[in-house]
Structures are given as C-alpha cells and as structure tokens.
Amino acid sequence: MLTFIKTHWRLFTTTHPLLRGSITYAVLWPTGSLIQQSLDGKNFKNYDYMRMLRFSIFGSLYVAPTLYGWVKLSTAMWPQMTLRIGLKKAAVEQISYGPFACASFFIGMSLLEGKTFKEAIEETKQKFWPTFEVAMCIWPIIQTINFSMIPEKNRIVFVSICSIIWTTFLAFMKRADLQNSADHLESNIQYK
C-alpha cells in the first residue's frame, strides 16, 4: 500500500509541478512565520495563526505561481544548465523578478491583513529597500546554484526549501516597525 501511494504521489507531482510547488509553499511559508513568532517568544498558546494562514495563502496562491512562471520563462530563454547561464539567469532575476517579488510581498500581505491599498503602498515604501538589500546578498547565490545544477522540475521545491530562512526574515520585516526604529535611533543620536 505504501509503495502504491509513493508511486502515485511521484507521478502526480511529476505531472503537476506547479501544484507541487504550491503545496510546498503552503507548508513552508507559514513555517517561516511560525519560526519568526517563536523567535519573538511566542508559543502554541499565543501564536498568531491568522498570520500563518495569510503566509500560507500568499505563498501557495501567489509566490509559487509567479515563481513557476519565472522559472518556465527563464528556462525557455536559456535552456542550458551551465554555471555561466546560471549566473546570467540569477542576475536577470535580481533585476526583474526580485524587486517585483519583494514589493508584491509587502503589498499582498498588507492587503490580506485588511489594510487599505494606500497603507500597503506606504509600508512597501518603508520596508522595500532594507529587505531588497538583504535579498541581493542571498538570492543570487541560491539562484545560481538553482539554475546551474537543479533540474527544472525540482527548481520551485529547491527554492522553497532554501527560502525557509528568507521567509522567516520576511516575517520579521513584515512585523518590524522600521519608522519607529529609525525615529528612536535618530533621537538617541541627537541626545549623545
């Protein structure tokens, strides 16, 4: 029976890579939120399960499909799996998909929280650059490996597994009050 389930699951995930990626993101994105909340001192009694649900919805219904589209497009443009092509794809991704993904994360998650579009844009303006600067240090390396060594059918899953730390960071940035932190830092500098 176990062999039957394993065989059919493998067949299903091979024939439906987008669905496999969406399922992976539906699990790993709320896990990133859970890790971030745990680092903030929360536990099973006071986790924000609605926040985790929002991460699951956003990861599975938005991030996985857009990433899948990018992977398909980049593979069609550069089908080879070499280090040079991997570097090229990673660079193009950081210029095109990276900023789009970063901005859409803050806008999408804010809208899922019930904020207005104007509030979502304001939060994005405040948090985009600090988040994107960190992304520029991490994702080119991961994506170079992904595009030069990982078969296309496994790329979304590979990125989703690598992104658990990134998603934890995004959860931190989403909860961070950067404006108050900047004001606090500025006032401390003025008094010294």
Protein backbone atom coordinates (compact mmCIF):
# COMPACT_ATOMS: atom_id res chain seq x y z
CA MET A 1 0.00 0.00 0.00
CA LEU A 2 2.82 2.41 0.90
CA THR A 3 4.52 1.69 -2.42
CA PHE A 4 1.24 2.39 -4.24
CA ILE A 5 0.86 5.77 -2.50
CA LYS A 6 4.52 6.66 -3.11
CA THR A 7 4.29 5.75 -6.81
CA HIS A 8 1.09 7.73 -7.36
CA TRP A 9 2.40 10.73 -5.40
CA ARG A 10 5.57 10.75 -7.51
CA LEU A 11 3.51 10.51 -10.71
CA PHE A 12 1.18 13.28 -9.53
CA THR A 13 3.99 15.67 -8.56
CA THR A 14 5.90 14.96 -11.78
CA THR A 15 2.90 15.75 -13.96
CA HIS A 16 1.80 18.78 -11.87
CA PRO A 17 4.94 20.74 -10.88
CA LEU A 18 3.03 23.98 -10.20
CA LEU A 19 0.70 22.19 -7.80
CA ARG A 20 3.69 20.53 -6.13
CA GLY A 21 5.30 23.96 -5.70
CA SER A 22 2.05 25.44 -4.35
CA ILE A 23 1.71 22.63 -1.80
CA THR A 24 5.32 23.13 -0.74
CA TYR A 25 4.84 26.89 -0.33
CA ALA A 26 1.54 26.33 1.53
CA VAL A 27 3.56 24.49 4.17
CA LEU A 28 6.91 26.29 4.20
CA TRP A 29 5.72 29.91 4.16
CA PRO A 30 3.64 29.61 7.34
CA THR A 31 6.55 27.66 8.83
CA GLY A 32 8.70 30.76 8.30
CA SER A 33 6.06 32.82 10.12
CA LEU A 34 5.96 30.22 12.90
CA ILE A 35 9.75 30.35 13.29
CA GLN A 36 9.71 34.16 13.40
CA GLN A 37 6.96 34.17 16.02
CA SER A 38 8.87 31.59 18.07
CA LEU A 39 11.97 33.79 17.94
CA ASP A 40 9.76 36.63 19.22
CA GLY A 41 8.93 34.47 22.26
CA LYS A 42 5.51 33.20 21.23
CA ASN A 43 4.36 29.62 21.73
CA PHE A 44 1.39 27.40 20.85
CA LYS A 45 -0.86 29.34 23.22
CA ASN A 46 -0.29 32.73 21.63
CA TYR A 47 0.86 32.16 18.04
CA ASP A 48 -0.88 34.37 15.52
CA TYR A 49 -2.42 31.56 13.48
CA MET A 50 -4.19 34.03 11.17
CA ARG A 51 -0.80 35.50 10.24
CA MET A 52 0.42 31.98 9.46
CA LEU A 53 -2.69 31.41 7.34
CA ARG A 54 -2.00 34.63 5.42
CA PHE A 55 1.56 33.44 4.76
CA SER A 56 0.21 30.11 3.54
CA ILE A 57 -2.32 31.76 1.22
CA PHE A 58 0.20 34.24 -0.17
CA GLY A 59 2.95 31.63 -0.60
CA SER A 60 0.80 29.00 -2.26
CA LEU A 61 -1.53 31.14 -4.37
CA TYR A 62 0.81 33.96 -5.36
CA VAL A 63 4.51 33.22 -4.83
CA ALA A 64 4.52 29.66 -6.19
CA PRO A 65 2.67 30.55 -9.44
CA THR A 66 4.75 33.67 -10.12
CA LEU A 67 7.98 31.82 -9.38
CA TYR A 68 6.81 28.93 -11.56
CA GLY A 69 6.15 31.39 -14.40
CA TRP A 70 9.59 32.95 -13.98
CA VAL A 71 11.30 29.53 -13.95
CA LYS A 72 9.43 28.45 -17.11
CA LEU A 73 10.25 31.73 -18.88
CA SER A 74 13.92 31.71 -17.89
CA THR A 75 14.26 28.06 -18.91
CA ALA A 76 12.73 28.81 -22.30
CA MET A 77 15.10 31.76 -22.76
CA TRP A 78 18.21 29.92 -21.53
CA PRO A 79 17.65 26.13 -21.57
CA GLN A 80 21.25 25.18 -20.80
CA MET A 81 22.35 24.23 -17.28
CA THR A 82 25.83 25.72 -17.01
CA LEU A 83 27.42 27.95 -14.43
CA ARG A 84 27.57 30.84 -16.92
CA ILE A 85 23.86 30.51 -17.76
CA GLY A 86 23.04 30.09 -14.04
CA LEU A 87 24.84 33.35 -13.28
CA LYS A 88 23.05 35.10 -16.15
CA LYS A 89 19.62 33.87 -15.01
CA ALA A 90 20.34 34.83 -11.40
CA ALA A 91 21.40 38.33 -12.47
CA VAL A 92 18.34 38.81 -14.68
CA GLU A 93 16.12 37.53 -11.87
CA GLN A 94 17.55 40.05 -9.40
CA ILE A 95 16.85 42.87 -11.82
CA SER A 96 13.36 41.75 -12.86
CA TYR A 97 11.64 39.22 -10.61
CA GLY A 98 13.41 40.15 -7.34
CA PRO A 99 12.08 43.71 -6.96
CA PHE A 100 8.64 42.61 -8.14
CA ALA A 101 8.54 39.77 -5.58
CA CYS A 102 9.74 41.99 -2.75
CA ALA A 103 7.24 44.78 -3.42
CA SER A 104 4.37 42.40 -4.04
CA PHE A 105 5.09 40.63 -0.73
CA PHE A 106 4.53 43.78 1.31
CA ILE A 107 1.56 44.93 -0.75
CA GLY A 108 -0.09 41.49 -0.86
CA MET A 109 0.41 40.68 2.81
CA SER A 110 -0.82 44.13 3.85
CA LEU A 111 -3.97 43.70 1.77
CA LEU A 112 -4.52 40.24 3.30
CA GLU A 113 -4.28 41.93 6.72
CA GLY A 114 -7.16 44.19 5.72
CA LYS A 115 -5.10 47.34 5.22
CA THR A 116 -6.05 49.83 2.55
CA PHE A 117 -4.09 50.00 -0.69
CA LYS A 118 -2.62 53.33 0.40
CA GLU A 119 -1.43 51.79 3.69
CA ALA A 120 0.03 48.85 1.77
CA ILE A 121 1.96 51.21 -0.50
CA GLU A 122 3.28 53.19 2.48
CA GLU A 123 4.52 50.05 4.20
CA THR A 124 6.14 48.91 0.96
CA LYS A 125 7.92 52.26 0.58
CA GLN A 126 9.27 51.95 4.11
CA LYS A 127 10.39 48.30 4.01
CA PHE A 128 11.26 47.60 0.37
CA TRP A 129 14.89 48.82 0.25
CA PRO A 130 16.10 47.32 3.55
CA THR A 131 14.56 43.99 2.53
CA PHE A 132 15.78 44.09 -1.07
CA GLU A 133 19.35 44.90 0.04
CA VAL A 134 19.42 41.68 2.07
CA ALA A 135 17.88 39.77 -0.85
CA MET A 136 20.69 40.95 -3.12
CA CYS A 137 23.19 39.27 -0.78
CA ILE A 138 21.39 35.92 -0.65
CA TRP A 139 19.35 35.15 -3.75
CA PRO A 140 21.95 35.49 -6.50
CA ILE A 141 23.96 32.69 -4.86
CA ILE A 142 20.96 30.42 -4.31
CA GLN A 143 19.59 31.04 -7.80
CA THR A 144 22.96 30.46 -9.47
CA ILE A 145 23.01 27.02 -7.85
CA ASN A 146 19.35 26.50 -8.73
CA PHE A 147 19.70 27.43 -12.40
CA SER A 148 23.02 25.69 -13.00
CA MET A 149 22.64 22.44 -11.03
CA ILE A 150 18.98 21.69 -10.22
CA PRO A 151 16.72 20.10 -12.88
CA GLU A 152 13.82 22.35 -13.91
CA LYS A 153 11.16 20.07 -12.44
CA ASN A 154 12.73 20.47 -8.96
CA ARG A 155 13.58 24.17 -9.03
CA ILE A 156 10.47 25.51 -7.27
CA VAL A 157 10.82 22.95 -4.49
CA PHE A 158 14.56 23.66 -4.16
CA VAL A 159 13.93 27.40 -3.88
CA SER A 160 11.09 26.89 -1.42
CA ILE A 161 13.31 24.80 0.86
CA CYS A 162 16.09 27.40 0.62
CA SER A 163 13.59 30.14 1.26
CA ILE A 164 12.50 29.00 4.73
CA ILE A 165 15.16 31.26 6.27
CA TRP A 166 14.24 34.00 3.82
CA THR A 167 10.56 33.66 4.67
CA THR A 168 11.43 33.89 8.36
CA PHE A 169 13.29 37.12 7.56
CA LEU A 170 10.29 38.41 5.55
CA ALA A 171 8.03 37.63 8.51
CA PHE A 172 10.40 39.63 10.71
CA MET A 173 10.43 42.56 8.27
CA LYS A 174 6.65 42.45 7.97
CA ARG A 175 6.31 42.77 11.74
CA ALA A 176 9.11 45.34 12.11
CA ASP A 177 8.22 48.95 12.74
CA LEU A 178 11.11 50.49 10.84
CA GLN A 179 9.83 54.07 11.11
CA ASN A 180 9.68 53.99 14.90
CA SER A 181 13.05 52.23 15.00
CA ALA A 182 14.55 54.94 12.79
CA ASP A 183 12.96 57.70 14.90
CA HIS A 184 14.23 56.03 18.09
CA LEU A 185 17.74 55.68 16.66
CA GLU A 186 17.71 59.30 15.46
CA SER A 187 16.60 60.59 18.88
CA ASN A 188 19.34 58.54 20.60
CA ILE A 189 21.94 60.01 18.26
CA GLN A 190 20.74 63.56 18.90
CA TYR A 191 20.99 63.18 22.68
CA LYS A 192 24.56 61.84 22.62
